[in-house]
């Protein structure tokens, strides 16, 4: 049986994710407030690869993941050469709803539209991977596919709600509402669209999955 390109890519990503799961790099942050399952985190500057895709949450997640996985597994050009370079897998994979009326800017986005907190209304999504910390904009391999862009993010504060299980649209919206309510309780000003971050390969049992709703807030 011959496998199509998307299936082969998914299997490759899954194998490499499983192989490196114990050593997968995460973005660097400090916890400023901890009231499980909520945290206020201060993230260091990060470099991301992102893409903007249409569709509902599930369809956009799969399409965006494949586009960026294709980039990190070799559809790129190393700096100063025409050769491809493999980039290590990191976690989480993050997606955020976008307004279809906002134009795409250079890297992963369009900044999320403030106040747009109903994820079910989204028809466009920004999907991004954080790049390994060894890279800068000057040294990261460049994407061959123009649908994938690179961007540097400054230091940011996020309210984070961590939970396990599957991510249905209803579940994601419920967790988002909880995160927004906690931000309000802490007198934190929401300045970005909620994001869904996932840390585990798709075969992970629901009770072991790490999911996070992340909401950018102004510096306290």
Protein backbone atom coordinates (compact mmCIF):
# COMPACT_ATOMS: atom_id res chain seq x y z
CA UNK A 1 0.00 0.00 0.00
CA UNK A 2 1.38 3.40 -1.01
CA UNK A 3 1.05 6.26 1.43
CA UNK A 4 0.28 9.78 0.27
CA UNK A 5 2.53 12.72 1.13
CA UNK A 6 0.41 13.94 4.05
CA UNK A 7 0.27 10.48 5.61
CA UNK A 8 4.04 9.97 5.29
CA UNK A 9 4.66 13.39 6.83
CA UNK A 10 2.28 12.69 9.71
CA UNK A 11 4.00 9.37 10.43
CA UNK A 12 7.43 11.00 10.30
CA UNK A 13 6.37 13.79 12.63
CA UNK A 14 4.82 11.28 15.00
CA UNK A 15 7.92 9.09 15.07
CA UNK A 16 10.27 12.00 15.65
CA UNK A 17 8.01 13.53 18.28
CA UNK A 18 7.84 10.19 20.14
CA UNK A 19 11.61 9.71 19.82
CA UNK A 20 12.41 13.14 21.27
CA UNK A 21 9.47 13.49 23.69
CA UNK A 22 11.62 13.33 26.81
CA UNK A 23 13.95 16.07 25.57
CA UNK A 24 11.62 18.40 23.68
CA UNK A 25 12.46 22.06 24.24
CA UNK A 26 9.80 24.42 25.57
CA UNK A 27 9.74 28.24 25.54
CA UNK A 28 11.45 29.88 28.51
CA UNK A 29 9.22 31.60 31.09
CA UNK A 30 8.96 32.59 34.75
CA UNK A 31 5.83 31.96 36.81
CA UNK A 32 4.71 35.17 38.54
CA UNK A 33 1.44 33.89 40.07
CA UNK A 34 0.47 30.24 40.58
CA UNK A 35 -3.07 29.24 41.56
CA UNK A 36 -3.50 25.82 39.87
CA UNK A 37 -4.80 25.28 37.30
CA UNK A 38 -4.02 28.95 36.57
CA UNK A 39 -0.68 30.72 36.21
CA UNK A 40 0.55 34.15 35.22
CA UNK A 41 3.72 33.58 33.17
CA UNK A 42 6.33 35.99 31.87
CA UNK A 43 7.78 34.61 28.62
CA UNK A 44 11.23 35.44 27.30
CA UNK A 45 11.55 36.67 23.69
CA UNK A 46 10.97 33.84 21.22
CA UNK A 47 11.35 33.11 17.53
CA UNK A 48 8.37 31.44 15.88
CA UNK A 49 7.42 29.88 12.56
CA UNK A 50 3.77 30.45 11.73
CA UNK A 51 1.08 30.13 9.12
CA UNK A 52 -2.44 31.49 8.66
CA UNK A 53 -5.08 28.94 7.59
CA UNK A 54 -8.84 28.88 6.99
CA UNK A 55 -11.40 26.47 8.39
CA UNK A 56 -12.79 25.29 11.69
CA UNK A 57 -10.50 24.52 14.63
CA UNK A 58 -9.80 20.87 13.75
CA UNK A 59 -9.27 21.38 10.02
CA UNK A 60 -7.09 24.46 10.51
CA UNK A 61 -5.02 22.71 13.18
CA UNK A 62 -4.19 19.78 10.89
CA UNK A 63 -3.43 21.94 7.87
CA UNK A 64 -1.29 24.40 9.81
CA UNK A 65 0.62 21.64 11.57
CA UNK A 66 1.47 19.97 8.27
CA UNK A 67 2.68 23.23 6.73
CA UNK A 68 5.06 24.05 9.56
CA UNK A 69 6.18 20.43 10.05
CA UNK A 70 7.05 20.39 6.36
CA UNK A 71 9.23 23.46 6.96
CA UNK A 72 11.09 22.17 10.01
CA UNK A 73 11.71 18.73 8.48
CA UNK A 74 13.51 20.08 5.44
CA UNK A 75 11.45 22.32 3.15
CA UNK A 76 13.82 25.20 3.86
CA UNK A 77 17.15 26.75 2.94
CA UNK A 78 20.00 26.97 5.43
CA UNK A 79 21.54 30.41 5.79
CA UNK A 80 24.36 30.98 3.27
CA UNK A 81 23.50 27.85 1.28
CA UNK A 82 20.88 26.22 -0.90
CA UNK A 83 20.90 23.09 1.26
CA UNK A 84 18.00 22.07 3.49
CA UNK A 85 18.42 21.80 7.25
CA UNK A 86 16.33 19.91 9.81
CA UNK A 87 15.09 21.88 12.81
CA UNK A 88 14.40 20.16 16.13
CA UNK A 89 10.78 19.70 17.17
CA UNK A 90 9.62 21.88 20.08
CA UNK A 91 6.41 22.17 22.09
CA UNK A 92 3.78 23.45 22.28
CA UNK A 93 1.96 23.73 18.97
CA UNK A 94 -0.19 26.83 19.35
CA UNK A 95 -3.23 28.11 17.49
CA UNK A 96 -5.20 31.33 17.83
CA UNK A 97 -8.37 32.51 16.07
CA UNK A 98 -7.98 35.37 13.63
CA UNK A 99 -10.36 37.87 12.12
CA UNK A 100 -10.61 37.23 8.39
CA UNK A 101 -10.60 41.01 7.88
CA UNK A 102 -7.08 41.42 9.27
CA UNK A 103 -4.26 41.24 6.77
CA UNK A 104 -1.40 38.81 7.33
CA UNK A 105 1.77 40.48 8.52
CA UNK A 106 5.23 39.13 8.31
CA UNK A 107 5.48 36.02 10.60
CA UNK A 108 3.00 34.11 12.25
CA UNK A 109 0.59 36.71 12.18
CA UNK A 110 -1.46 39.22 12.15
CA UNK A 111 -1.53 40.14 15.78
CA UNK A 112 -4.64 38.65 17.36
CA UNK A 113 -7.59 41.02 17.56
CA UNK A 114 -8.13 42.20 21.12
CA UNK A 115 -11.52 41.37 22.58
CA UNK A 116 -12.26 38.52 20.15
CA UNK A 117 -12.70 35.76 22.73
CA UNK A 118 -15.33 33.53 21.08
CA UNK A 119 -13.28 30.86 19.35
CA UNK A 120 -16.31 29.24 17.69
CA UNK A 121 -16.75 32.39 15.57
CA UNK A 122 -13.29 32.06 14.00
CA UNK A 123 -12.88 31.14 10.33
CA UNK A 124 -9.12 31.78 10.24
CA UNK A 125 -6.45 30.54 12.63
CA UNK A 126 -2.81 31.38 13.25
CA UNK A 127 -0.76 28.23 13.91
CA UNK A 128 2.78 28.55 15.22
CA UNK A 129 5.72 26.55 16.54
CA UNK A 130 8.35 28.12 18.76
CA UNK A 131 11.79 27.61 17.20
CA UNK A 132 14.70 26.13 19.20
CA UNK A 133 16.50 28.74 21.28
CA UNK A 134 19.78 28.18 19.39
CA UNK A 135 18.39 30.15 16.43
CA UNK A 136 18.00 33.86 15.72
CA UNK A 137 16.38 35.54 12.71
CA UNK A 138 19.87 35.76 11.21
CA UNK A 139 20.63 32.03 11.57
CA UNK A 140 17.29 30.21 11.21
CA UNK A 141 16.77 28.34 7.90
CA UNK A 142 14.37 30.19 5.62
CA UNK A 143 11.08 28.56 4.53
CA UNK A 144 10.71 27.58 0.88
CA UNK A 145 6.92 27.81 1.18
CA UNK A 146 5.71 31.41 1.36
CA UNK A 147 2.74 30.26 3.49
CA UNK A 148 5.19 29.76 6.39
CA UNK A 149 6.77 32.87 7.90
CA UNK A 150 9.21 33.63 10.71
CA UNK A 151 8.75 36.21 13.42
CA UNK A 152 10.38 37.37 16.64
CA UNK A 153 8.09 37.86 19.62
CA UNK A 154 9.08 40.24 22.44
CA UNK A 155 8.70 39.43 26.13
CA UNK A 156 5.06 38.82 26.94
CA UNK A 157 2.81 38.06 29.89
CA UNK A 158 0.21 35.30 29.60
CA UNK A 159 -2.55 34.02 31.82
CA UNK A 160 -2.43 30.23 31.36
CA UNK A 161 -5.07 27.62 32.18
CA UNK A 162 -3.66 24.08 32.07
CA UNK A 163 -5.89 21.02 31.63
CA UNK A 164 -5.96 17.50 30.18
CA UNK A 165 -8.32 15.64 27.84
CA UNK A 166 -9.51 16.17 24.28
CA UNK A 167 -10.16 19.56 22.76
CA UNK A 168 -13.66 19.97 21.42
CA UNK A 169 -14.75 23.46 20.44
CA UNK A 170 -17.13 23.59 23.42
CA UNK A 171 -14.37 22.48 25.80
CA UNK A 172 -11.89 25.01 24.46
CA UNK A 173 -14.42 27.84 24.78
CA UNK A 174 -15.30 26.78 28.34
CA UNK A 175 -11.63 26.77 29.38
CA UNK A 176 -11.11 30.12 27.64
CA UNK A 177 -13.97 31.63 29.65
CA UNK A 178 -12.38 30.32 32.87
CA UNK A 179 -9.01 31.84 31.93
CA UNK A 180 -10.59 35.21 31.14
CA UNK A 181 -12.51 35.17 34.43
CA UNK A 182 -9.33 34.44 36.40
CA UNK A 183 -7.52 37.27 34.60
CA UNK A 184 -10.31 39.61 35.65
CA UNK A 185 -10.10 38.38 39.26
CA UNK A 186 -6.38 39.21 39.23
CA UNK A 187 -7.08 42.70 37.79
CA UNK A 188 -5.09 41.85 34.64
CA UNK A 189 -5.87 43.60 31.36
CA UNK A 190 -6.38 41.22 28.41
CA UNK A 191 -4.55 42.51 25.32
CA UNK A 192 -4.58 39.52 22.94
CA UNK A 193 -6.79 36.81 21.49
CA UNK A 194 -6.88 33.51 23.46
CA UNK A 195 -4.61 30.77 22.15
CA UNK A 196 -4.79 26.98 22.41
CA UNK A 197 -1.43 25.27 23.03
CA UNK A 198 -0.97 21.50 22.79
CA UNK A 199 2.10 19.58 23.95
CA UNK A 200 1.52 15.95 23.05
CA UNK A 201 1.37 13.72 19.94
CA UNK A 202 -2.13 12.65 18.89
CA UNK A 203 -1.94 9.11 20.30
CA UNK A 204 -1.44 10.35 23.89
CA UNK A 205 -4.19 9.12 26.21
CA UNK A 206 -6.61 11.92 27.17
CA UNK A 207 -5.74 11.90 30.88
CA UNK A 208 -2.04 12.40 30.08
CA UNK A 209 -2.47 15.22 27.56
CA UNK A 210 -1.19 18.68 28.39
CA UNK A 211 -3.33 21.46 26.95
CA UNK A 212 -3.18 25.15 27.80
CA UNK A 213 -5.34 28.16 27.08
CA UNK A 214 -3.04 31.18 26.92
CA UNK A 215 -4.33 34.75 27.06
CA UNK A 216 -1.90 37.64 26.63
CA UNK A 217 -2.24 40.34 29.29
CA UNK A 218 -0.57 43.67 29.90
CA UNK A 219 2.38 43.76 32.28
CA UNK A 220 1.00 43.78 35.84
